[in-house]
């Protein structure tokens, strides 16, 4: 598969930036682990994220941190690079089928702003790997955070596992949404705006 370039862009094209207007992506360092641990076990985040109610010890968290991960970055505000605002992760990559799963977690109070970090990350993934599609796997109660992107056709529901996830006295569906390279390329500058709407 040959990488496609936008019209008029030369072979000398620059790599995608890891810095946006408000947020930037940094490689994860051991110094980030305490803040990332605190973030992923924080009560308003934990039930939406990987461990969903299980609280690992710090050592368990560190040992499992890179399991099945293709690449991940810490999301930090440009103005305060020592503050961990979130984490973006590509995992369960299948480079034969050219797909990977994408996850994002953001600190309480940051809100949709950290989605800028996700946009930077998606561009990075499509630049460096011959991925056709990114999957977002989530419990149905997380869908509201991505509702605008679904309405705009940016994310497409590909699968729904009914009554799959238990939380707060009921079962919720598990959804698998997808974003294709072609969709991301077509949107260009509108990509971030639609993702956050």
N, C-alpha and C. Protein backbone atom coordinates (compact mmCIF):
# COMPACT_ATOMS: atom_id res chain seq x y z
N UNK A 1 0.84 -1.18 0.00
CA UNK A 1 0.00 0.00 0.00
C UNK A 1 0.89 1.24 0.00
N UNK A 2 0.65 2.14 -0.90
CA UNK A 2 1.42 3.36 -1.01
C UNK A 2 0.74 4.45 -0.21
N UNK A 3 1.53 5.20 0.55
CA UNK A 3 0.96 6.30 1.32
C UNK A 3 0.46 7.38 0.37
N UNK A 4 -0.71 7.92 0.67
CA UNK A 4 -1.27 8.97 -0.15
C UNK A 4 -0.90 10.33 0.41
N UNK A 5 -0.64 11.28 -0.48
CA UNK A 5 -0.33 12.64 -0.06
C UNK A 5 -1.47 13.55 -0.48
N UNK A 6 -1.74 14.59 0.32
CA UNK A 6 -2.71 15.58 -0.13
C UNK A 6 -2.23 16.21 -1.43
N UNK A 7 -3.16 16.66 -2.28
CA UNK A 7 -2.78 17.27 -3.55
C UNK A 7 -1.80 18.42 -3.34
N UNK A 8 -0.77 18.46 -4.15
CA UNK A 8 0.19 19.55 -4.10
C UNK A 8 1.29 19.37 -3.05
N UNK A 9 1.23 18.32 -2.26
CA UNK A 9 2.25 18.13 -1.22
C UNK A 9 3.39 17.30 -1.80
N UNK A 10 4.61 17.68 -1.52
CA UNK A 10 5.77 17.02 -2.12
C UNK A 10 6.23 15.84 -1.28
N UNK A 11 7.22 15.11 -1.82
CA UNK A 11 7.83 14.01 -1.08
C UNK A 11 8.58 14.52 0.14
N UNK A 12 8.84 15.81 0.20
CA UNK A 12 9.56 16.42 1.32
C UNK A 12 8.60 16.80 2.44
N UNK A 13 7.39 16.27 2.42
CA UNK A 13 6.37 16.64 3.40
C UNK A 13 6.86 16.44 4.82
N UNK A 14 6.45 17.34 5.70
CA UNK A 14 6.84 17.26 7.10
C UNK A 14 5.96 16.25 7.83
N UNK A 15 6.52 15.67 8.86
CA UNK A 15 5.78 14.75 9.71
C UNK A 15 4.69 15.54 10.45
N UNK A 16 3.63 14.84 10.85
CA UNK A 16 2.56 15.54 11.56
C UNK A 16 3.08 16.05 12.91
N UNK A 17 2.64 17.22 13.29
CA UNK A 17 3.07 17.79 14.55
C UNK A 17 2.43 17.10 15.74
N UNK A 18 3.10 17.17 16.85
CA UNK A 18 2.57 16.64 18.10
C UNK A 18 2.11 17.77 19.01
N UNK A 19 2.01 18.97 18.44
CA UNK A 19 1.60 20.13 19.22
C UNK A 19 0.45 20.83 18.51
N UNK A 20 -0.63 21.03 19.26
CA UNK A 20 -1.76 21.80 18.76
C UNK A 20 -1.78 23.17 19.39
N UNK A 21 -2.93 23.84 19.28
CA UNK A 21 -3.05 25.18 19.86
C UNK A 21 -3.06 25.13 21.38
N UNK A 22 -3.76 24.15 21.95
CA UNK A 22 -3.92 24.09 23.40
C UNK A 22 -3.20 22.92 24.05
N UNK A 23 -3.02 21.83 23.30
CA UNK A 23 -2.45 20.62 23.88
C UNK A 23 -1.33 20.09 23.00
N UNK A 24 -0.46 19.33 23.62
CA UNK A 24 0.60 18.65 22.87
C UNK A 24 0.74 17.24 23.40
N UNK A 25 1.38 16.39 22.60
CA UNK A 25 1.61 15.00 22.96
C UNK A 25 3.07 14.83 23.35
N UNK A 26 3.29 14.11 24.44
CA UNK A 26 4.64 13.82 24.89
C UNK A 26 4.80 12.32 25.05
N UNK A 27 5.99 11.79 24.78
CA UNK A 27 6.23 10.37 25.06
C UNK A 27 6.03 10.11 26.56
N UNK A 28 5.49 8.95 26.88
CA UNK A 28 5.28 8.60 28.28
C UNK A 28 6.62 8.27 28.92
N UNK A 29 6.86 8.86 30.07
CA UNK A 29 8.07 8.59 30.85
C UNK A 29 7.67 8.06 32.22
N UNK A 30 8.55 7.33 32.87
CA UNK A 30 8.22 6.83 34.21
C UNK A 30 7.75 7.94 35.17
N UNK A 31 8.24 9.15 34.99
CA UNK A 31 7.81 10.26 35.85
C UNK A 31 6.32 10.56 35.69
N UNK A 32 5.71 10.16 34.56
CA UNK A 32 4.28 10.37 34.34
C UNK A 32 3.42 9.33 35.04
N UNK A 33 4.00 8.18 35.39
CA UNK A 33 3.19 7.08 35.93
C UNK A 33 2.33 7.48 37.13
N UNK A 34 2.85 8.19 38.12
CA UNK A 34 1.98 8.52 39.26
C UNK A 34 0.75 9.33 38.85
N UNK A 35 0.92 10.34 38.00
CA UNK A 35 -0.23 11.15 37.58
C UNK A 35 -1.20 10.32 36.74
N UNK A 36 -0.68 9.44 35.87
CA UNK A 36 -1.54 8.60 35.04
C UNK A 36 -2.28 7.58 35.90
N UNK A 37 -1.61 7.04 36.90
CA UNK A 37 -2.28 6.12 37.83
C UNK A 37 -3.42 6.84 38.55
N UNK A 38 -3.12 8.02 39.10
CA UNK A 38 -4.16 8.78 39.80
C UNK A 38 -5.33 9.09 38.88
N UNK A 39 -5.04 9.42 37.64
CA UNK A 39 -6.09 9.72 36.67
C UNK A 39 -6.97 8.50 36.41
N UNK A 40 -6.37 7.36 36.16
CA UNK A 40 -7.16 6.19 35.75
C UNK A 40 -7.92 5.53 36.90
N UNK A 41 -7.58 5.86 38.14
CA UNK A 41 -8.36 5.31 39.27
C UNK A 41 -9.26 6.38 39.89
N UNK A 42 -9.23 7.60 39.37
CA UNK A 42 -10.10 8.67 39.87
C UNK A 42 -11.56 8.26 39.67
N UNK A 43 -12.41 8.46 40.67
CA UNK A 43 -13.75 7.89 40.65
C UNK A 43 -14.61 8.30 39.45
N UNK A 44 -14.45 9.50 38.95
CA UNK A 44 -15.26 9.93 37.81
C UNK A 44 -14.69 9.49 36.47
N UNK A 45 -13.52 8.87 36.50
CA UNK A 45 -12.86 8.38 35.29
C UNK A 45 -12.83 6.85 35.28
N UNK A 46 -12.57 6.26 36.43
CA UNK A 46 -12.28 4.82 36.52
C UNK A 46 -13.37 3.94 35.90
N UNK A 47 -14.63 4.28 36.10
CA UNK A 47 -15.69 3.41 35.57
C UNK A 47 -15.80 3.49 34.06
N UNK A 48 -15.22 4.50 33.44
CA UNK A 48 -15.26 4.66 31.98
C UNK A 48 -14.03 4.06 31.30
N UNK A 49 -12.99 3.78 32.06
CA UNK A 49 -11.69 3.45 31.50
C UNK A 49 -11.39 1.98 31.65
N UNK A 50 -10.22 1.59 31.29
CA UNK A 50 -9.75 0.23 31.14
C UNK A 50 -10.10 -0.72 32.28
N UNK A 51 -9.91 -0.30 33.52
CA UNK A 51 -10.08 -1.21 34.64
C UNK A 51 -11.53 -1.31 35.13
N UNK A 52 -12.35 -0.35 34.77
CA UNK A 52 -13.79 -0.32 35.08
C UNK A 52 -14.16 -0.89 36.45
N UNK A 53 -13.77 -0.20 37.49
CA UNK A 53 -14.16 -0.59 38.84
C UNK A 53 -13.08 -1.31 39.60
N UNK A 54 -12.23 -2.03 38.91
CA UNK A 54 -11.11 -2.69 39.57
C UNK A 54 -10.03 -1.64 39.80
N UNK A 55 -9.48 -1.59 40.99
CA UNK A 55 -8.43 -0.63 41.29
C UNK A 55 -7.12 -1.40 41.45
N UNK A 56 -6.27 -1.35 40.44
CA UNK A 56 -4.99 -2.07 40.54
C UNK A 56 -4.07 -1.36 41.52
N UNK A 57 -3.12 -2.09 42.05
CA UNK A 57 -2.07 -1.42 42.81
C UNK A 57 -1.22 -0.63 41.82
N UNK A 58 -0.42 0.27 42.34
CA UNK A 58 0.44 1.05 41.46
C UNK A 58 1.38 0.13 40.68
N UNK A 59 1.92 -0.88 41.35
CA UNK A 59 2.83 -1.81 40.67
C UNK A 59 2.12 -2.60 39.56
N UNK A 60 0.89 -3.03 39.82
CA UNK A 60 0.11 -3.73 38.78
C UNK A 60 -0.13 -2.80 37.59
N UNK A 61 -0.46 -1.57 37.89
CA UNK A 61 -0.71 -0.57 36.85
C UNK A 61 0.52 -0.41 35.97
N UNK A 62 1.68 -0.23 36.59
CA UNK A 62 2.92 -0.03 35.82
C UNK A 62 3.25 -1.26 34.99
N UNK A 63 3.10 -2.47 35.59
CA UNK A 63 3.43 -3.70 34.85
C UNK A 63 2.53 -3.89 33.64
N UNK A 64 1.28 -3.49 33.73
CA UNK A 64 0.33 -3.71 32.63
C UNK A 64 0.22 -2.52 31.68
N UNK A 65 0.94 -1.45 31.97
CA UNK A 65 0.75 -0.20 31.26
C UNK A 65 0.98 -0.31 29.75
N UNK A 66 1.95 -1.09 29.34
CA UNK A 66 2.27 -1.19 27.91
C UNK A 66 1.72 -2.45 27.25
N UNK A 67 0.89 -3.21 27.96
CA UNK A 67 0.34 -4.45 27.41
C UNK A 67 -0.50 -4.15 26.16
N UNK A 68 -0.19 -4.81 25.08
CA UNK A 68 -0.91 -4.71 23.80
C UNK A 68 -0.88 -3.33 23.17
N UNK A 69 0.01 -2.46 23.63
CA UNK A 69 0.06 -1.08 23.14
C UNK A 69 0.98 -0.98 21.93
N UNK A 70 0.47 -0.34 20.87
CA UNK A 70 1.31 -0.01 19.71
C UNK A 70 2.13 1.23 20.04
N UNK A 71 1.44 2.27 20.50
CA UNK A 71 2.10 3.52 20.91
C UNK A 71 1.10 4.32 21.74
N UNK A 72 1.64 5.13 22.65
CA UNK A 72 0.79 5.99 23.47
C UNK A 72 1.55 7.26 23.83
N UNK A 73 0.80 8.31 24.07
CA UNK A 73 1.36 9.60 24.46
C UNK A 73 0.57 10.18 25.61
N UNK A 74 1.26 10.93 26.44
CA UNK A 74 0.61 11.75 27.45
C UNK A 74 0.16 13.03 26.76
N UNK A 75 -1.04 13.50 27.11
CA UNK A 75 -1.55 14.77 26.60
C UNK A 75 -1.34 15.81 27.69
N UNK A 76 -0.66 16.91 27.34
CA UNK A 76 -0.40 17.97 28.31
C UNK A 76 -0.81 19.31 27.71
N UNK A 77 -1.24 20.26 28.54
CA UNK A 77 -1.51 21.60 28.02
C UNK A 77 -0.21 22.25 27.56
N UNK A 78 -0.27 22.96 26.45
CA UNK A 78 0.91 23.68 25.95
C UNK A 78 1.41 24.65 27.01
N UNK A 79 0.49 25.32 27.70
CA UNK A 79 0.86 26.33 28.68
C UNK A 79 1.40 25.73 29.98
N UNK A 80 1.06 24.47 30.28
CA UNK A 80 1.50 23.82 31.52
C UNK A 80 1.96 22.39 31.22
N UNK A 81 3.12 22.22 30.60
CA UNK A 81 3.55 20.89 30.17
C UNK A 81 3.79 19.90 31.30
N UNK A 82 3.84 20.35 32.54
CA UNK A 82 4.01 19.41 33.65
C UNK A 82 2.67 18.83 34.13
N UNK A 83 1.56 19.37 33.63
CA UNK A 83 0.23 18.88 34.02
C UNK A 83 -0.23 17.78 33.05
N UNK A 84 -0.57 16.62 33.58
CA UNK A 84 -1.10 15.53 32.75
C UNK A 84 -2.59 15.76 32.55
N UNK A 85 -2.98 16.03 31.30
CA UNK A 85 -4.38 16.27 30.97
C UNK A 85 -5.07 15.01 30.48
N UNK A 86 -4.29 14.04 30.00
CA UNK A 86 -4.89 12.83 29.48
C UNK A 86 -3.86 11.89 28.89
N UNK A 87 -4.38 10.85 28.28
CA UNK A 87 -3.55 9.83 27.66
C UNK A 87 -4.25 9.35 26.40
N UNK A 88 -3.52 9.20 25.31
CA UNK A 88 -4.05 8.62 24.08
C UNK A 88 -3.26 7.35 23.78
N UNK A 89 -3.98 6.30 23.40
CA UNK A 89 -3.37 4.98 23.27
C UNK A 89 -3.86 4.30 22.00
N UNK A 90 -2.95 3.74 21.22
CA UNK A 90 -3.29 2.82 20.13
C UNK A 90 -2.89 1.44 20.60
N UNK A 91 -3.84 0.51 20.57
CA UNK A 91 -3.58 -0.82 21.10
C UNK A 91 -4.22 -1.89 20.22
N UNK A 92 -3.89 -3.14 20.51
CA UNK A 92 -4.42 -4.27 19.73
C UNK A 92 -4.29 -4.04 18.23
N UNK A 93 -3.16 -3.53 17.82
CA UNK A 93 -2.94 -3.27 16.39
C UNK A 93 -2.81 -4.59 15.64
N UNK A 94 -3.42 -4.63 14.47
CA UNK A 94 -3.29 -5.77 13.57
C UNK A 94 -2.80 -5.18 12.25
N UNK A 95 -1.50 -5.25 12.03
CA UNK A 95 -0.92 -4.60 10.86
C UNK A 95 -1.13 -5.40 9.58
N UNK A 96 -1.55 -6.66 9.71
CA UNK A 96 -1.92 -7.44 8.53
C UNK A 96 -3.24 -6.91 7.98
N UNK A 97 -4.23 -6.73 8.86
CA UNK A 97 -5.53 -6.20 8.44
C UNK A 97 -5.56 -4.68 8.45
N UNK A 98 -4.50 -4.06 8.93
CA UNK A 98 -4.32 -2.60 8.94
C UNK A 98 -5.37 -1.88 9.79
N UNK A 99 -5.57 -2.40 11.00
CA UNK A 99 -6.50 -1.78 11.95
C UNK A 99 -5.83 -1.71 13.32
N UNK A 100 -6.32 -0.79 14.14
CA UNK A 100 -5.88 -0.69 15.53
C UNK A 100 -7.05 -0.10 16.33
N UNK A 101 -6.98 -0.29 17.62
CA UNK A 101 -7.97 0.30 18.53
C UNK A 101 -7.38 1.56 19.14
N UNK A 102 -8.24 2.52 19.39
CA UNK A 102 -7.80 3.79 19.95
C UNK A 102 -8.57 4.06 21.23
N UNK A 103 -7.87 4.54 22.26
CA UNK A 103 -8.50 4.91 23.52
C UNK A 103 -7.97 6.27 23.95
N UNK A 104 -8.81 6.98 24.66
CA UNK A 104 -8.43 8.28 25.21
C UNK A 104 -9.02 8.39 26.60
N UNK A 105 -8.26 8.97 27.50
CA UNK A 105 -8.77 9.28 28.83
C UNK A 105 -8.33 10.70 29.14
N UNK A 106 -9.24 11.48 29.73
CA UNK A 106 -8.88 12.86 30.06
C UNK A 106 -9.18 13.12 31.53
N UNK A 107 -8.40 14.02 32.09
CA UNK A 107 -8.56 14.38 33.49
C UNK A 107 -9.87 15.12 33.69
N UNK A 108 -10.51 14.94 34.85
CA UNK A 108 -11.73 15.70 35.16
C UNK A 108 -11.45 17.19 35.06
N UNK A 109 -12.41 17.92 34.52
CA UNK A 109 -12.27 19.36 34.37
C UNK A 109 -11.63 19.77 33.06
N UNK A 110 -10.98 18.85 32.36
CA UNK A 110 -10.37 19.18 31.07
C UNK A 110 -11.44 19.18 29.98
N UNK A 111 -12.37 18.24 30.08
CA UNK A 111 -13.47 18.17 29.14
C UNK A 111 -13.04 17.83 27.73
N UNK A 112 -13.83 18.30 26.78
CA UNK A 112 -13.61 17.94 25.38
C UNK A 112 -12.34 18.55 24.81
N UNK A 113 -11.73 19.49 25.52
CA UNK A 113 -10.53 20.12 24.99
C UNK A 113 -9.42 19.14 24.69
N UNK A 114 -9.32 18.07 25.48
CA UNK A 114 -8.24 17.10 25.26
C UNK A 114 -8.45 16.33 23.95
N UNK A 115 -9.61 16.47 23.35
CA UNK A 115 -9.83 15.84 22.05
C UNK A 115 -8.86 16.37 21.00
N UNK A 116 -8.35 17.58 21.21
CA UNK A 116 -7.31 18.08 20.31
C UNK A 116 -6.12 17.11 20.31
N UNK A 117 -5.80 16.58 21.48
CA UNK A 117 -4.72 15.60 21.58
C UNK A 117 -5.05 14.34 20.80
N UNK A 118 -6.32 13.95 20.81
CA UNK A 118 -6.73 12.76 20.06
C UNK A 118 -6.61 13.01 18.56
N UNK A 119 -6.97 14.20 18.11
CA UNK A 119 -6.84 14.53 16.69
C UNK A 119 -5.38 14.47 16.26
N UNK A 120 -4.50 15.05 17.06
CA UNK A 120 -3.07 14.99 16.76
C UNK A 120 -2.60 13.54 16.68
N UNK A 121 -3.10 12.72 17.60
CA UNK A 121 -2.70 11.32 17.67
C UNK A 121 -3.20 10.54 16.46
N UNK A 122 -4.43 10.79 16.05
CA UNK A 122 -4.99 10.09 14.88
C UNK A 122 -4.17 10.44 13.63
N UNK A 123 -3.86 11.71 13.47
CA UNK A 123 -3.03 12.10 12.33
C UNK A 123 -1.67 11.41 12.38
N UNK A 124 -1.09 11.34 13.56
CA UNK A 124 0.19 10.67 13.75
C UNK A 124 0.10 9.20 13.36
N UNK A 125 -0.94 8.52 13.82
CA UNK A 125 -1.10 7.09 13.51
C UNK A 125 -1.25 6.85 12.02
N UNK A 126 -2.08 7.65 11.36
CA UNK A 126 -2.29 7.46 9.93
C UNK A 126 -1.04 7.85 9.12
N UNK A 127 -0.19 8.68 9.67
CA UNK A 127 1.03 9.08 8.98
C UNK A 127 2.08 7.98 9.03
N UNK A 128 2.26 7.37 10.23
CA UNK A 128 3.37 6.45 10.43
C UNK A 128 3.04 4.98 10.18
N UNK A 129 1.79 4.61 10.19
CA UNK A 129 1.43 3.21 9.98
C UNK A 129 0.42 3.11 8.84
N UNK A 130 0.45 2.03 8.09
CA UNK A 130 -0.48 1.87 6.97
C UNK A 130 -1.85 1.38 7.47
N UNK A 131 -2.40 2.08 8.45
CA UNK A 131 -3.70 1.70 9.02
C UNK A 131 -4.82 2.20 8.12
N UNK A 132 -5.80 1.34 7.92
CA UNK A 132 -6.99 1.73 7.16
C UNK A 132 -8.07 2.29 8.07
N UNK A 133 -8.07 1.77 9.32
CA UNK A 133 -9.20 2.02 10.18
C UNK A 133 -8.77 1.99 11.64
N UNK A 134 -9.38 2.87 12.42
CA UNK A 134 -9.20 2.87 13.87
C UNK A 134 -10.53 2.54 14.52
N UNK A 135 -10.50 1.67 15.51
CA UNK A 135 -11.72 1.29 16.23
C UNK A 135 -11.73 1.93 17.61
N UNK A 136 -12.91 2.35 18.02
CA UNK A 136 -13.15 2.86 19.36
C UNK A 136 -14.13 1.89 20.02
N UNK A 137 -13.69 1.19 21.03
CA UNK A 137 -14.55 0.23 21.73
C UNK A 137 -14.95 0.87 23.06
N UNK A 138 -16.26 0.94 23.32
CA UNK A 138 -16.70 1.64 24.52
C UNK A 138 -18.04 1.13 25.03
N UNK A 139 -18.26 1.23 26.33
CA UNK A 139 -19.59 0.97 26.85
C UNK A 139 -20.53 2.06 26.35
N UNK A 140 -21.77 1.72 26.19
CA UNK A 140 -22.76 2.65 25.65
C UNK A 140 -22.82 3.96 26.44
N UNK A 141 -22.57 3.92 27.75
CA UNK A 141 -22.66 5.15 28.54
C UNK A 141 -21.54 6.14 28.22
N UNK A 142 -20.53 5.73 27.47
CA UNK A 142 -19.48 6.65 27.04
C UNK A 142 -19.79 7.32 25.70
N UNK A 143 -20.84 6.87 25.03
CA UNK A 143 -21.13 7.36 23.68
C UNK A 143 -21.40 8.86 23.65
N UNK A 144 -21.98 9.40 24.69
CA UNK A 144 -22.33 10.82 24.69
C UNK A 144 -21.12 11.71 24.40
N UNK A 145 -19.95 11.28 24.82
CA UNK A 145 -18.74 12.06 24.58
C UNK A 145 -18.37 12.14 23.10
N UNK A 146 -18.91 11.21 22.30
CA UNK A 146 -18.58 11.14 20.88
C UNK A 146 -19.80 11.36 19.98
N UNK A 147 -20.91 11.78 20.59
CA UNK A 147 -22.17 11.91 19.85
C UNK A 147 -22.05 12.81 18.64
N UNK A 148 -21.37 13.95 18.76
CA UNK A 148 -21.22 14.87 17.62
C UNK A 148 -20.47 14.23 16.47
N UNK A 149 -19.43 13.47 16.78
CA UNK A 149 -18.65 12.80 15.74
C UNK A 149 -19.46 11.72 15.04
N UNK A 150 -20.37 11.07 15.79
CA UNK A 150 -21.24 10.05 15.19
C UNK A 150 -22.27 10.74 14.29
N UNK A 151 -22.89 11.81 14.80
CA UNK A 151 -23.89 12.55 14.00
C UNK A 151 -23.29 13.06 12.69
N UNK A 152 -22.03 13.49 12.75
CA UNK A 152 -21.37 14.05 11.55
C UNK A 152 -20.87 12.96 10.61
N UNK A 153 -20.99 11.70 11.00
CA UNK A 153 -20.52 10.61 10.13
C UNK A 153 -19.03 10.35 10.24
N UNK A 154 -18.38 11.02 11.18
CA UNK A 154 -16.95 10.82 11.37
C UNK A 154 -16.68 9.45 11.98
N UNK A 155 -17.46 9.09 12.99
CA UNK A 155 -17.38 7.76 13.60
C UNK A 155 -18.63 6.98 13.20
N UNK A 156 -18.43 5.73 12.83
CA UNK A 156 -19.54 4.88 12.37
C UNK A 156 -19.64 3.68 13.31
N UNK A 157 -20.85 3.40 13.76
CA UNK A 157 -21.05 2.22 14.60
C UNK A 157 -20.98 0.98 13.72
N UNK A 158 -20.04 0.10 14.04
CA UNK A 158 -19.87 -1.14 13.27
C UNK A 158 -20.41 -2.35 14.00
N UNK A 159 -20.43 -2.27 15.33
CA UNK A 159 -20.92 -3.43 16.09
C UNK A 159 -21.52 -2.95 17.40
N UNK A 160 -22.49 -3.72 17.87
CA UNK A 160 -23.14 -3.46 19.16
C UNK A 160 -23.35 -4.81 19.84
N UNK A 161 -22.66 -5.00 20.94
CA UNK A 161 -22.83 -6.21 21.74
C UNK A 161 -23.84 -5.89 22.83
N UNK A 162 -25.00 -6.46 22.75
CA UNK A 162 -26.09 -6.06 23.64
C UNK A 162 -25.91 -6.60 25.05
N UNK A 163 -26.32 -5.77 26.01
CA UNK A 163 -26.28 -6.14 27.43
C UNK A 163 -24.95 -6.76 27.82
N UNK A 164 -23.88 -6.12 27.49
CA UNK A 164 -22.54 -6.69 27.64
C UNK A 164 -21.79 -6.16 28.86
N UNK A 165 -22.07 -4.93 29.27
CA UNK A 165 -21.30 -4.28 30.31
C UNK A 165 -22.19 -3.96 31.50
N UNK A 166 -21.81 -4.43 32.67
CA UNK A 166 -22.61 -4.17 33.87
C UNK A 166 -22.09 -2.94 34.60
N UNK A 167 -23.01 -2.03 34.94
CA UNK A 167 -22.68 -0.86 35.75
C UNK A 167 -23.95 -0.32 36.39
N UNK A 168 -23.91 -0.10 37.67
CA UNK A 168 -24.99 0.56 38.41
C UNK A 168 -26.35 -0.08 38.18
N UNK A 169 -26.44 -1.35 38.52
CA UNK A 169 -27.71 -2.10 38.51
C UNK A 169 -28.33 -2.30 37.13
N UNK A 170 -27.53 -2.22 36.11
CA UNK A 170 -28.07 -2.53 34.78
C UNK A 170 -26.96 -2.96 33.84
N UNK A 171 -27.36 -3.55 32.74
CA UNK A 171 -26.42 -3.92 31.68
C UNK A 171 -26.52 -2.91 30.55
N UNK A 172 -25.37 -2.57 29.99
CA UNK A 172 -25.27 -1.62 28.90
C UNK A 172 -24.69 -2.35 27.68
N UNK A 173 -24.99 -1.83 26.50
CA UNK A 173 -24.39 -2.37 25.29
C UNK A 173 -22.93 -1.93 25.20
N UNK A 174 -22.13 -2.74 24.54
CA UNK A 174 -20.76 -2.34 24.20
C UNK A 174 -20.76 -2.00 22.71
N UNK A 175 -20.21 -0.84 22.37
CA UNK A 175 -20.20 -0.37 20.99
C UNK A 175 -18.79 -0.41 20.43
N UNK A 176 -18.71 -0.70 19.14
CA UNK A 176 -17.45 -0.57 18.42
C UNK A 176 -17.71 0.40 17.27
N UNK A 177 -17.08 1.56 17.38
CA UNK A 177 -17.18 2.60 16.36
C UNK A 177 -15.89 2.60 15.56
N UNK A 178 -15.96 3.08 14.34
CA UNK A 178 -14.74 3.11 13.53
C UNK A 178 -14.56 4.46 12.86
N UNK A 179 -13.30 4.76 12.61
CA UNK A 179 -12.90 5.93 11.84
C UNK A 179 -11.95 5.43 10.77
N UNK A 180 -12.26 5.70 9.51
CA UNK A 180 -11.38 5.27 8.42
C UNK A 180 -10.39 6.36 8.05
N UNK A 181 -9.30 5.93 7.47
CA UNK A 181 -8.31 6.88 6.96
C UNK A 181 -8.95 7.82 5.94
N UNK A 182 -9.76 7.27 5.04
CA UNK A 182 -10.39 8.10 4.01
C UNK A 182 -11.27 9.18 4.62
N UNK A 183 -12.02 8.83 5.66
CA UNK A 183 -12.88 9.82 6.31
C UNK A 183 -12.04 10.92 6.94
N UNK A 184 -11.00 10.54 7.66
CA UNK A 184 -10.13 11.54 8.29
C UNK A 184 -9.46 12.42 7.24
N UNK A 185 -9.00 11.83 6.13
CA UNK A 185 -8.37 12.61 5.05
C UNK A 185 -9.34 13.58 4.41
N UNK A 186 -10.57 13.12 4.18
CA UNK A 186 -11.58 13.94 3.51
C UNK A 186 -11.95 15.16 4.34
N UNK A 187 -11.99 14.99 5.65
CA UNK A 187 -12.41 16.08 6.51
C UNK A 187 -11.37 17.18 6.63
N UNK A 188 -10.10 16.80 6.57
CA UNK A 188 -9.03 17.79 6.65
C UNK A 188 -9.18 18.71 7.84
N UNK A 189 -9.22 20.04 7.62
CA UNK A 189 -9.25 21.00 8.72
C UNK A 189 -10.53 20.90 9.57
N UNK A 190 -11.62 20.34 9.00
CA UNK A 190 -12.87 20.24 9.76
C UNK A 190 -12.83 19.10 10.78
N UNK A 191 -11.80 18.29 10.72
CA UNK A 191 -11.70 17.07 11.53
C UNK A 191 -11.89 17.36 13.02
N UNK A 192 -11.09 18.27 13.57
CA UNK A 192 -11.17 18.56 15.00
C UNK A 192 -12.50 19.18 15.37
N UNK A 193 -13.00 20.09 14.56
CA UNK A 193 -14.27 20.75 14.85
C UNK A 193 -15.41 19.74 14.95
N UNK A 194 -15.48 18.81 14.01
CA UNK A 194 -16.54 17.81 14.03
C UNK A 194 -16.39 16.86 15.20
N UNK A 195 -15.17 16.51 15.52
CA UNK A 195 -14.94 15.59 16.62
C UNK A 195 -15.41 16.19 17.93
N UNK A 196 -15.29 17.49 18.08
CA UNK A 196 -15.65 18.13 19.35
C UNK A 196 -17.08 18.63 19.39
N UNK A 197 -17.81 18.58 18.28
CA UNK A 197 -19.18 19.14 18.27
C UNK A 197 -20.16 18.25 19.00
